[in-house]
Amino acid sequence: MPLTTIEQVESYALITVEEFYDPTVQSFIDAVTSYIEKCTGRTFGDADTEASDKLYDGNNTDEMFIDDASEVTDVKIGDDVLASTDYLVYPANRSPKTRIILPYRRFIPGRQNITVTAKWGYGSVPDDISFATTVMVAGIINNQNSQDTDNKEIQSETIGRYSVTYKSGSSQAQDFLQAKEILKSYKRYA
């Protein structure tokens, strides 16, 4: 799921994308979306509507990190289905759910012996992730439009296989720095 739209990029960059250029800008959006998801280790967008299983290795502790889920519906250790009162899902009051804790036992060590049934996915695209995507796509477009490569006030940086360009000290340059910080705040470390 793309994390921004052509219309959002046009509005942010105060430009009009000609219809013939729409597929190119959409490819920029798709590339930045892929970059952000790889960088953060998360897949943003709507969560699954139906629960499905994922396997995890038992780690001999009472805590297990899982992929982003909007809802955990079942946990099994080997063939033993746990009652919903036998495990806690965290964070408790917001999504995505990323951790399961067993208050009274441990996840038995083993390979792919833990089955978690859940509605997988992060949920809706956070506004700040959409903003970061929009800023980065606008920077790619700026780079495409940049004719003055010798201008010392222009700064460029690489995002994946694309370059983004902003005028030094501009609000877009500040937004780009903010976008990088936003990505850091969503990075998945587990």
N, C-alpha and C. Protein backbone atom coordinates (compact mmCIF):
# COMPACT_ATOMS: atom_id res chain seq x y z
N MET A 1 0.85 -1.17 0.00
CA MET A 1 0.00 0.00 0.00
C MET A 1 0.90 1.24 0.00
N PRO A 2 0.73 2.13 -1.00
CA PRO A 2 1.54 3.36 -1.03
C PRO A 2 1.28 4.21 0.21
N LEU A 3 2.31 4.87 0.68
CA LEU A 3 2.22 5.65 1.91
C LEU A 3 1.87 7.11 1.69
N THR A 4 1.77 7.53 0.45
CA THR A 4 1.34 8.88 0.10
C THR A 4 0.66 8.82 -1.27
N THR A 5 0.19 9.95 -1.73
CA THR A 5 -0.46 10.02 -3.04
C THR A 5 0.18 11.13 -3.87
N ILE A 6 -0.06 11.08 -5.15
CA ILE A 6 0.42 12.14 -6.04
C ILE A 6 -0.15 13.49 -5.59
N GLU A 7 -1.42 13.49 -5.20
CA GLU A 7 -2.07 14.73 -4.77
C GLU A 7 -1.38 15.31 -3.52
N GLN A 8 -1.00 14.46 -2.58
CA GLN A 8 -0.31 14.93 -1.38
C GLN A 8 1.05 15.53 -1.74
N VAL A 9 1.75 14.90 -2.68
CA VAL A 9 3.06 15.40 -3.12
C VAL A 9 2.89 16.75 -3.81
N GLU A 10 1.89 16.86 -4.68
CA GLU A 10 1.63 18.13 -5.36
C GLU A 10 1.33 19.23 -4.36
N SER A 11 0.50 18.94 -3.39
CA SER A 11 0.13 19.93 -2.38
C SER A 11 1.33 20.35 -1.55
N TYR A 12 2.15 19.39 -1.14
CA TYR A 12 3.32 19.69 -0.32
C TYR A 12 4.34 20.51 -1.10
N ALA A 13 4.65 20.08 -2.33
CA ALA A 13 5.71 20.71 -3.11
C ALA A 13 5.24 21.92 -3.90
N LEU A 14 3.94 22.20 -3.83
CA LEU A 14 3.34 23.32 -4.56
C LEU A 14 3.65 23.22 -6.06
N ILE A 15 3.38 22.02 -6.60
CA ILE A 15 3.60 21.75 -8.02
C ILE A 15 2.35 21.08 -8.59
N THR A 16 2.29 21.02 -9.89
CA THR A 16 1.27 20.23 -10.58
C THR A 16 1.99 19.19 -11.42
N VAL A 17 1.69 17.94 -11.17
CA VAL A 17 2.29 16.85 -11.93
C VAL A 17 1.44 16.64 -13.18
N GLU A 18 2.06 16.76 -14.32
CA GLU A 18 1.35 16.55 -15.58
C GLU A 18 0.92 15.09 -15.67
N GLU A 19 -0.23 14.85 -16.28
CA GLU A 19 -0.82 13.51 -16.34
C GLU A 19 0.15 12.48 -16.93
N PHE A 20 0.90 12.85 -17.95
CA PHE A 20 1.83 11.90 -18.58
C PHE A 20 2.95 11.48 -17.62
N TYR A 21 3.21 12.30 -16.57
CA TYR A 21 4.28 12.03 -15.61
C TYR A 21 3.78 11.26 -14.38
N ASP A 22 2.45 11.07 -14.27
CA ASP A 22 1.87 10.34 -13.14
C ASP A 22 2.52 8.97 -12.90
N PRO A 23 2.71 8.14 -13.95
CA PRO A 23 3.33 6.82 -13.69
C PRO A 23 4.74 6.93 -13.11
N THR A 24 5.49 7.93 -13.52
CA THR A 24 6.84 8.12 -13.00
C THR A 24 6.79 8.51 -11.52
N VAL A 25 5.91 9.47 -11.19
CA VAL A 25 5.78 9.89 -9.79
C VAL A 25 5.26 8.72 -8.95
N GLN A 26 4.34 7.94 -9.50
CA GLN A 26 3.86 6.77 -8.76
C GLN A 26 4.99 5.78 -8.51
N SER A 27 5.90 5.64 -9.47
CA SER A 27 7.05 4.74 -9.24
C SER A 27 7.96 5.30 -8.14
N PHE A 28 8.08 6.63 -8.05
CA PHE A 28 8.83 7.23 -6.94
C PHE A 28 8.15 6.92 -5.61
N ILE A 29 6.83 7.05 -5.57
CA ILE A 29 6.07 6.75 -4.35
C ILE A 29 6.27 5.30 -3.96
N ASP A 30 6.17 4.40 -4.92
CA ASP A 30 6.35 2.97 -4.63
C ASP A 30 7.76 2.68 -4.13
N ALA A 31 8.76 3.32 -4.73
CA ALA A 31 10.15 3.10 -4.32
C ALA A 31 10.39 3.62 -2.90
N VAL A 32 9.87 4.81 -2.59
CA VAL A 32 10.05 5.37 -1.24
C VAL A 32 9.27 4.54 -0.22
N THR A 33 8.08 4.08 -0.59
CA THR A 33 7.30 3.19 0.29
C THR A 33 8.12 1.95 0.62
N SER A 34 8.69 1.34 -0.39
CA SER A 34 9.52 0.14 -0.18
C SER A 34 10.73 0.47 0.69
N TYR A 35 11.38 1.59 0.43
CA TYR A 35 12.54 2.01 1.22
C TYR A 35 12.16 2.18 2.69
N ILE A 36 11.05 2.86 2.94
CA ILE A 36 10.61 3.12 4.32
C ILE A 36 10.27 1.81 5.02
N GLU A 37 9.60 0.90 4.34
CA GLU A 37 9.24 -0.37 4.97
C GLU A 37 10.48 -1.21 5.26
N LYS A 38 11.48 -1.17 4.39
CA LYS A 38 12.74 -1.89 4.66
C LYS A 38 13.50 -1.22 5.79
N CYS A 39 13.54 0.10 5.78
CA CYS A 39 14.27 0.87 6.79
C CYS A 39 13.68 0.67 8.18
N THR A 40 12.35 0.64 8.27
CA THR A 40 11.70 0.53 9.57
C THR A 40 11.45 -0.92 9.98
N GLY A 41 11.45 -1.84 9.03
CA GLY A 41 11.12 -3.23 9.34
C GLY A 41 9.63 -3.43 9.55
N ARG A 42 8.81 -2.53 9.03
CA ARG A 42 7.36 -2.60 9.22
C ARG A 42 6.65 -2.48 7.87
N THR A 43 5.47 -3.07 7.79
CA THR A 43 4.61 -2.92 6.63
C THR A 43 3.41 -2.10 7.09
N PHE A 44 3.33 -0.88 6.60
CA PHE A 44 2.25 0.01 7.00
C PHE A 44 1.04 -0.21 6.11
N GLY A 45 -0.11 0.18 6.59
CA GLY A 45 -1.35 0.04 5.83
C GLY A 45 -2.33 -0.80 6.61
N ASP A 46 -3.43 -1.08 6.00
CA ASP A 46 -4.49 -1.81 6.68
C ASP A 46 -4.02 -3.19 7.11
N ALA A 47 -4.42 -3.58 8.31
CA ALA A 47 -4.11 -4.90 8.83
C ALA A 47 -5.02 -5.93 8.16
N ASP A 48 -4.61 -7.19 8.23
CA ASP A 48 -5.44 -8.27 7.69
C ASP A 48 -6.82 -8.23 8.32
N THR A 49 -7.82 -8.61 7.56
CA THR A 49 -9.18 -8.68 8.11
C THR A 49 -9.47 -10.05 8.69
N GLU A 50 -8.69 -11.05 8.30
CA GLU A 50 -8.85 -12.39 8.85
C GLU A 50 -7.55 -12.84 9.49
N ALA A 51 -7.68 -13.55 10.59
CA ALA A 51 -6.51 -14.04 11.32
C ALA A 51 -5.86 -15.19 10.56
N SER A 52 -4.53 -15.25 10.65
CA SER A 52 -3.77 -16.34 10.07
C SER A 52 -2.61 -16.67 11.01
N ASP A 53 -1.98 -17.81 10.77
CA ASP A 53 -0.92 -18.31 11.64
C ASP A 53 0.46 -17.87 11.17
N LYS A 54 1.34 -17.63 12.15
CA LYS A 54 2.77 -17.47 11.90
C LYS A 54 3.50 -18.30 12.94
N LEU A 55 4.61 -18.89 12.52
CA LEU A 55 5.42 -19.73 13.41
C LEU A 55 6.61 -18.95 13.94
N TYR A 56 6.92 -19.22 15.20
CA TYR A 56 8.07 -18.59 15.87
C TYR A 56 8.85 -19.67 16.61
N ASP A 57 10.12 -19.38 16.86
CA ASP A 57 10.95 -20.29 17.64
C ASP A 57 10.78 -20.01 19.13
N GLY A 58 10.56 -21.07 19.91
CA GLY A 58 10.50 -20.93 21.36
C GLY A 58 11.85 -20.50 21.88
N ASN A 59 11.85 -19.58 22.86
CA ASN A 59 13.11 -18.96 23.30
C ASN A 59 13.44 -19.18 24.78
N ASN A 60 12.67 -20.03 25.46
CA ASN A 60 12.90 -20.36 26.87
C ASN A 60 12.80 -19.14 27.79
N THR A 61 12.00 -18.14 27.39
CA THR A 61 11.71 -17.00 28.25
C THR A 61 10.20 -16.85 28.34
N ASP A 62 9.77 -15.89 29.12
CA ASP A 62 8.33 -15.64 29.24
C ASP A 62 7.85 -14.55 28.28
N GLU A 63 8.74 -14.08 27.40
CA GLU A 63 8.41 -12.98 26.50
C GLU A 63 8.82 -13.31 25.07
N MET A 64 7.94 -12.97 24.11
CA MET A 64 8.25 -13.20 22.71
C MET A 64 7.81 -12.00 21.89
N PHE A 65 8.72 -11.51 21.04
CA PHE A 65 8.38 -10.45 20.10
C PHE A 65 7.79 -11.08 18.85
N ILE A 66 6.73 -10.46 18.34
CA ILE A 66 6.05 -10.97 17.15
C ILE A 66 5.99 -9.86 16.10
N ASP A 67 5.63 -10.24 14.88
CA ASP A 67 5.40 -9.25 13.83
C ASP A 67 4.23 -8.36 14.24
N ASP A 68 4.16 -7.17 13.65
CA ASP A 68 3.06 -6.24 13.95
C ASP A 68 1.71 -6.91 13.70
N ALA A 69 0.80 -6.76 14.66
CA ALA A 69 -0.55 -7.33 14.53
C ALA A 69 -1.55 -6.37 15.14
N SER A 70 -2.73 -6.32 14.54
CA SER A 70 -3.78 -5.48 15.12
C SER A 70 -4.52 -6.23 16.22
N GLU A 71 -4.49 -7.57 16.14
CA GLU A 71 -5.19 -8.38 17.14
C GLU A 71 -4.59 -9.78 17.16
N VAL A 72 -4.29 -10.30 18.35
CA VAL A 72 -3.82 -11.67 18.51
C VAL A 72 -5.01 -12.48 19.00
N THR A 73 -5.33 -13.56 18.26
CA THR A 73 -6.52 -14.34 18.61
C THR A 73 -6.20 -15.69 19.24
N ASP A 74 -4.95 -16.17 19.07
CA ASP A 74 -4.63 -17.50 19.59
C ASP A 74 -3.12 -17.65 19.71
N VAL A 75 -2.69 -18.40 20.74
CA VAL A 75 -1.28 -18.72 20.92
C VAL A 75 -1.19 -20.20 21.25
N LYS A 76 -0.29 -20.91 20.54
CA LYS A 76 -0.07 -22.33 20.79
C LYS A 76 1.41 -22.57 21.03
N ILE A 77 1.70 -23.40 22.03
CA ILE A 77 3.06 -23.88 22.26
C ILE A 77 3.02 -25.36 21.92
N GLY A 78 3.68 -25.72 20.83
CA GLY A 78 3.55 -27.10 20.33
C GLY A 78 2.09 -27.34 19.96
N ASP A 79 1.48 -28.36 20.57
CA ASP A 79 0.07 -28.66 20.33
C ASP A 79 -0.83 -28.09 21.41
N ASP A 80 -0.26 -27.42 22.40
CA ASP A 80 -0.99 -26.89 23.55
C ASP A 80 -1.55 -25.50 23.24
N VAL A 81 -2.87 -25.41 23.08
CA VAL A 81 -3.52 -24.12 22.82
C VAL A 81 -3.72 -23.41 24.15
N LEU A 82 -3.19 -22.19 24.26
CA LEU A 82 -3.30 -21.44 25.51
C LEU A 82 -4.65 -20.74 25.60
N ALA A 83 -5.20 -20.70 26.80
CA ALA A 83 -6.40 -19.91 27.03
C ALA A 83 -6.02 -18.43 26.96
N SER A 84 -6.95 -17.58 26.57
CA SER A 84 -6.63 -16.15 26.44
C SER A 84 -6.18 -15.54 27.76
N THR A 85 -6.50 -16.18 28.88
CA THR A 85 -6.08 -15.69 30.19
C THR A 85 -4.65 -16.13 30.54
N ASP A 86 -4.05 -17.00 29.70
CA ASP A 86 -2.70 -17.51 29.96
C ASP A 86 -1.60 -16.67 29.32
N TYR A 87 -1.99 -15.64 28.55
CA TYR A 87 -0.98 -14.78 27.93
C TYR A 87 -1.49 -13.34 27.88
N LEU A 88 -0.54 -12.42 27.82
CA LEU A 88 -0.84 -10.99 27.71
C LEU A 88 -0.21 -10.47 26.42
N VAL A 89 -0.92 -9.58 25.75
CA VAL A 89 -0.44 -9.01 24.50
C VAL A 89 -0.13 -7.53 24.73
N TYR A 90 1.04 -7.10 24.25
CA TYR A 90 1.48 -5.72 24.45
C TYR A 90 1.83 -5.05 23.13
N PRO A 91 1.72 -3.74 23.08
CA PRO A 91 1.19 -2.85 24.10
C PRO A 91 -0.31 -3.08 24.29
N ALA A 92 -0.75 -2.89 25.50
CA ALA A 92 -2.13 -3.22 25.84
C ALA A 92 -3.15 -2.26 25.25
N ASN A 93 -2.83 -0.99 25.18
CA ASN A 93 -3.84 0.01 24.82
C ASN A 93 -3.67 0.65 23.45
N ARG A 94 -2.84 0.06 22.60
CA ARG A 94 -2.69 0.62 21.26
C ARG A 94 -2.17 -0.46 20.32
N SER A 95 -2.27 -0.17 19.06
CA SER A 95 -1.75 -1.07 18.03
C SER A 95 -0.55 -0.41 17.39
N PRO A 96 0.33 -1.19 16.83
CA PRO A 96 0.25 -2.62 16.64
C PRO A 96 0.71 -3.38 17.89
N LYS A 97 0.23 -4.59 18.02
CA LYS A 97 0.68 -5.50 19.07
C LYS A 97 1.99 -6.11 18.60
N THR A 98 2.99 -6.12 19.47
CA THR A 98 4.32 -6.58 19.05
C THR A 98 4.96 -7.59 20.01
N ARG A 99 4.26 -7.92 21.07
CA ARG A 99 4.89 -8.75 22.11
C ARG A 99 3.85 -9.57 22.85
N ILE A 100 4.22 -10.79 23.20
CA ILE A 100 3.37 -11.66 24.00
C ILE A 100 4.15 -12.06 25.25
N ILE A 101 3.49 -11.96 26.40
CA ILE A 101 4.11 -12.35 27.67
C ILE A 101 3.29 -13.46 28.31
N LEU A 102 3.99 -14.45 28.80
CA LEU A 102 3.35 -15.55 29.53
C LEU A 102 3.61 -15.33 31.02
N PRO A 103 2.58 -14.98 31.80
CA PRO A 103 2.82 -14.70 33.22
C PRO A 103 3.17 -15.93 34.05
N TYR A 104 2.76 -17.14 33.61
CA TYR A 104 2.89 -18.33 34.46
C TYR A 104 3.75 -19.44 33.88
N ARG A 105 4.37 -19.20 32.74
CA ARG A 105 5.19 -20.24 32.13
C ARG A 105 6.17 -19.62 31.15
N ARG A 106 6.88 -20.47 30.41
CA ARG A 106 7.86 -20.00 29.43
C ARG A 106 7.53 -20.57 28.05
N PHE A 107 8.05 -19.89 27.03
CA PHE A 107 7.95 -20.42 25.68
C PHE A 107 8.99 -21.52 25.55
N ILE A 108 8.55 -22.76 25.43
CA ILE A 108 9.44 -23.92 25.37
C ILE A 108 10.40 -23.76 24.20
N PRO A 109 11.72 -23.96 24.45
CA PRO A 109 12.68 -23.79 23.36
C PRO A 109 12.42 -24.79 22.24
N GLY A 110 12.62 -24.34 21.03
CA GLY A 110 12.45 -25.20 19.86
C GLY A 110 12.34 -24.38 18.60
N ARG A 111 12.41 -25.05 17.49
CA ARG A 111 12.31 -24.40 16.19
C ARG A 111 10.87 -24.46 15.69
N GLN A 112 10.33 -23.29 15.40
CA GLN A 112 8.97 -23.15 14.85
C GLN A 112 7.94 -23.94 15.65
N ASN A 113 8.06 -23.89 16.97
CA ASN A 113 7.14 -24.62 17.83
C ASN A 113 6.08 -23.73 18.49
N ILE A 114 6.12 -22.44 18.19
CA ILE A 114 5.13 -21.49 18.71
C ILE A 114 4.29 -21.01 17.53
N THR A 115 2.98 -21.16 17.64
CA THR A 115 2.07 -20.69 16.59
C THR A 115 1.27 -19.53 17.15
N VAL A 116 1.35 -18.39 16.48
CA VAL A 116 0.57 -17.22 16.87
C VAL A 116 -0.43 -16.96 15.75
N THR A 117 -1.70 -16.91 16.13
CA THR A 117 -2.76 -16.60 15.18
C THR A 117 -3.18 -15.17 15.43
N ALA A 118 -3.15 -14.36 14.36
CA ALA A 118 -3.42 -12.93 14.54
C ALA A 118 -3.89 -12.32 13.24
N LYS A 119 -4.40 -11.11 13.37
CA LYS A 119 -4.67 -10.25 12.21
C LYS A 119 -3.40 -9.42 12.05
N TRP A 120 -2.58 -9.79 11.06
CA TRP A 120 -1.25 -9.23 10.91
C TRP A 120 -1.28 -7.90 10.19
N GLY A 121 -0.38 -7.02 10.57
CA GLY A 121 -0.22 -5.74 9.92
C GLY A 121 -0.20 -4.61 10.92
N TYR A 122 0.32 -3.49 10.47
CA TYR A 122 0.46 -2.34 11.36
C TYR A 122 -0.86 -1.64 11.63
N GLY A 123 -1.73 -1.66 10.66
CA GLY A 123 -2.97 -0.89 10.75
C GLY A 123 -2.88 0.26 9.77
N SER A 124 -3.63 1.29 9.96
CA SER A 124 -3.63 2.41 9.02
C SER A 124 -2.27 3.10 8.99
N VAL A 125 -2.00 3.80 7.90
CA VAL A 125 -0.73 4.51 7.74
C VAL A 125 -0.70 5.70 8.70
N PRO A 126 0.27 5.77 9.61
CA PRO A 126 0.37 6.92 10.51
C PRO A 126 0.61 8.21 9.71
N ASP A 127 0.02 9.30 10.16
CA ASP A 127 0.15 10.58 9.46
C ASP A 127 1.60 11.01 9.28
N ASP A 128 2.44 10.78 10.30
CA ASP A 128 3.82 11.22 10.17
C ASP A 128 4.62 10.37 9.18
N ILE A 129 4.25 9.10 9.03
CA ILE A 129 4.89 8.26 8.00
C ILE A 129 4.47 8.73 6.62
N SER A 130 3.20 9.09 6.46
CA SER A 130 2.73 9.64 5.18
C SER A 130 3.47 10.94 4.86
N PHE A 131 3.64 11.78 5.87
CA PHE A 131 4.38 13.04 5.69
C PHE A 131 5.82 12.77 5.25
N ALA A 132 6.49 11.84 5.93
CA ALA A 132 7.88 11.52 5.59
C ALA A 132 7.98 11.02 4.16
N THR A 133 7.04 10.19 3.75
CA THR A 133 7.03 9.68 2.38
C THR A 133 6.85 10.82 1.38
N THR A 134 5.90 11.70 1.68
CA THR A 134 5.62 12.84 0.81
C THR A 134 6.86 13.72 0.64
N VAL A 135 7.55 14.01 1.74
CA VAL A 135 8.76 14.84 1.70
C VAL A 135 9.83 14.19 0.85
N MET A 136 10.02 12.89 1.01
CA MET A 136 11.07 12.20 0.26
C MET A 136 10.74 12.15 -1.24
N VAL A 137 9.48 11.90 -1.57
CA VAL A 137 9.10 11.89 -2.99
C VAL A 137 9.27 13.28 -3.59
N ALA A 138 8.89 14.31 -2.86
CA ALA A 138 9.09 15.69 -3.35
C ALA A 138 10.58 15.96 -3.60
N GLY A 139 11.44 15.43 -2.74
CA GLY A 139 12.88 15.60 -2.93
C GLY A 139 13.39 14.91 -4.18
N ILE A 140 12.82 13.75 -4.51
CA ILE A 140 13.20 13.06 -5.75
C ILE A 140 12.77 13.90 -6.95
N ILE A 141 11.57 14.44 -6.89
CA ILE A 141 11.09 15.29 -7.98
C ILE A 141 11.97 16.54 -8.09
N ASN A 142 12.33 17.14 -6.96
CA ASN A 142 13.24 18.29 -6.98
C ASN A 142 14.55 17.92 -7.68
N ASN A 143 15.05 16.73 -7.37
CA ASN A 143 16.30 16.28 -7.98
C ASN A 143 16.12 16.12 -9.49
N GLN A 144 14.98 15.60 -9.92
CA GLN A 144 14.71 15.43 -11.35
C GLN A 144 14.64 16.79 -12.05
N ASN A 145 14.11 17.79 -11.34
CA ASN A 145 13.95 19.12 -11.92
C ASN A 145 15.18 20.00 -11.77
N SER A 146 16.14 19.58 -10.97
CA SER A 146 17.31 20.40 -10.66
C SER A 146 18.22 20.51 -11.87
N GLN A 147 18.38 21.72 -12.37
CA GLN A 147 19.26 21.99 -13.50
C GLN A 147 20.59 22.55 -13.03
N ASP A 148 20.62 23.13 -11.83
CA ASP A 148 21.79 23.86 -11.34
C ASP A 148 22.59 22.98 -10.38
N THR A 149 23.33 22.02 -10.94
CA THR A 149 24.06 21.07 -10.10
C THR A 149 25.28 21.69 -9.44
N ASP A 150 25.74 22.85 -9.92
CA ASP A 150 26.91 23.50 -9.32
C ASP A 150 26.53 24.46 -8.19
N ASN A 151 25.25 24.64 -7.96
CA ASN A 151 24.79 25.57 -6.93
C ASN A 151 25.15 25.01 -5.56
N LYS A 152 25.94 25.73 -4.81
CA LYS A 152 26.40 25.27 -3.50
C LYS A 152 25.29 25.28 -2.45
N GLU A 153 24.17 25.96 -2.75
CA GLU A 153 23.07 26.00 -1.80
C GLU A 153 22.16 24.79 -1.92
N ILE A 154 22.41 23.96 -2.92
CA ILE A 154 21.61 22.75 -3.11
C ILE A 154 22.30 21.61 -2.37
N GLN A 155 21.51 20.85 -1.60
CA GLN A 155 22.06 19.67 -0.95
C GLN A 155 21.30 18.45 -1.45
N SER A 156 22.04 17.36 -1.65
CA SER A 156 21.45 16.12 -2.14
C SER A 156 21.83 14.99 -1.20
N GLU A 157 20.96 14.01 -1.15
CA GLU A 157 21.19 12.82 -0.36
C GLU A 157 20.56 11.65 -1.08
N THR A 158 21.09 10.46 -0.86
CA THR A 158 20.57 9.28 -1.54
C THR A 158 19.57 8.56 -0.65
N ILE A 159 18.44 8.19 -1.26
CA ILE A 159 17.41 7.37 -0.62
C ILE A 159 17.25 6.14 -1.49
N GLY A 160 17.73 4.99 -1.03
CA GLY A 160 17.67 3.81 -1.88
C GLY A 160 18.47 4.06 -3.14
N ARG A 161 17.83 3.93 -4.29
CA ARG A 161 18.54 4.16 -5.56
C ARG A 161 18.24 5.53 -6.16
N TYR A 162 17.58 6.39 -5.39
CA TYR A 162 17.24 7.73 -5.86
C TYR A 162 17.99 8.78 -5.06
N SER A 163 18.13 9.97 -5.66
CA SER A 163 18.69 11.12 -4.96
C SER A 163 17.57 12.10 -4.68
N VAL A 164 17.63 12.70 -3.49
CA VAL A 164 16.69 13.76 -3.15
C VAL A 164 17.48 15.05 -3.06
N THR A 165 16.86 16.15 -3.47
CA THR A 165 17.54 17.43 -3.51
C THR A 165 16.67 18.50 -2.88
N TYR A 166 17.30 19.34 -2.04
CA TYR A 166 16.64 20.48 -1.42
C TYR A 166 17.62 21.63 -1.36
N LYS A 167 17.10 22.83 -1.34
CA LYS A 167 17.93 24.01 -1.15
C LYS A 167 18.33 24.06 0.32
N SER A 168 19.61 24.23 0.60
CA SER A 168 20.11 24.29 1.97
C SER A 168 19.36 25.34 2.78
N GLY A 169 18.97 24.96 3.99
CA GLY A 169 18.29 25.89 4.88
C GLY A 169 16.81 26.10 4.58
N SER A 170 16.30 25.48 3.54
CA SER A 170 14.88 25.65 3.18
C SER A 170 14.00 24.85 4.13
N SER A 171 12.72 25.16 4.12
CA SER A 171 11.78 24.40 4.96
C SER A 171 11.73 22.95 4.49
N GLN A 172 11.89 22.69 3.19
CA GLN A 172 11.89 21.31 2.71
C GLN A 172 13.12 20.56 3.22
N ALA A 173 14.26 21.24 3.31
CA ALA A 173 15.46 20.60 3.87
C ALA A 173 15.23 20.24 5.33
N GLN A 174 14.60 21.14 6.08
CA GLN A 174 14.28 20.85 7.48
C GLN A 174 13.28 19.70 7.57
N ASP A 175 12.30 19.69 6.67
CA ASP A 175 11.32 18.60 6.65
C ASP A 175 11.99 17.27 6.35
N PHE A 176 13.00 17.29 5.47
CA PHE A 176 13.71 16.06 5.15
C PHE A 176 14.43 15.51 6.38
N LEU A 177 15.06 16.40 7.15
CA LEU A 177 15.71 15.96 8.40
C LEU A 177 14.68 15.40 9.37
N GLN A 178 13.53 16.05 9.44
CA GLN A 178 12.45 15.56 10.30
C GLN A 178 11.95 14.20 9.81
N ALA A 179 11.84 14.02 8.51
CA ALA A 179 11.39 12.74 7.94
C ALA A 179 12.33 11.61 8.34
N LYS A 180 13.64 11.87 8.31
CA LYS A 180 14.60 10.84 8.72
C LYS A 180 14.43 10.49 10.20
N GLU A 181 14.15 11.47 11.04
CA GLU A 181 13.91 11.22 12.46
C GLU A 181 12.62 10.41 12.66
N ILE A 182 11.61 10.72 11.87
CA ILE A 182 10.35 9.97 11.95
C ILE A 182 10.62 8.49 11.66
N LEU A 183 11.39 8.22 10.62
CA LEU A 183 11.69 6.83 10.28
C LEU A 183 12.43 6.13 11.42
N LYS A 184 13.36 6.83 12.05
CA LYS A 184 14.08 6.24 13.18
C LYS A 184 13.12 5.87 14.31
N SER A 185 12.11 6.71 14.53
CA SER A 185 11.18 6.45 15.63
C SER A 185 10.29 5.23 15.38
N TYR A 186 10.15 4.82 14.13
CA TYR A 186 9.32 3.64 13.80
C TYR A 186 10.15 2.39 13.57
N LYS A 187 11.46 2.50 13.65
CA LYS A 187 12.32 1.35 13.37
C LYS A 187 12.04 0.22 14.34
N ARG A 188 11.87 -0.94 13.79
CA ARG A 188 11.62 -2.15 14.57
C ARG A 188 12.97 -2.82 14.88
N TYR A 189 13.23 -3.03 16.14
CA TYR A 189 14.53 -3.59 16.55
C TYR A 189 14.45 -5.06 16.95
N ALA A 190 13.27 -5.58 17.10
CA ALA A 190 13.16 -6.98 17.54
C ALA A 190 13.03 -7.91 16.37
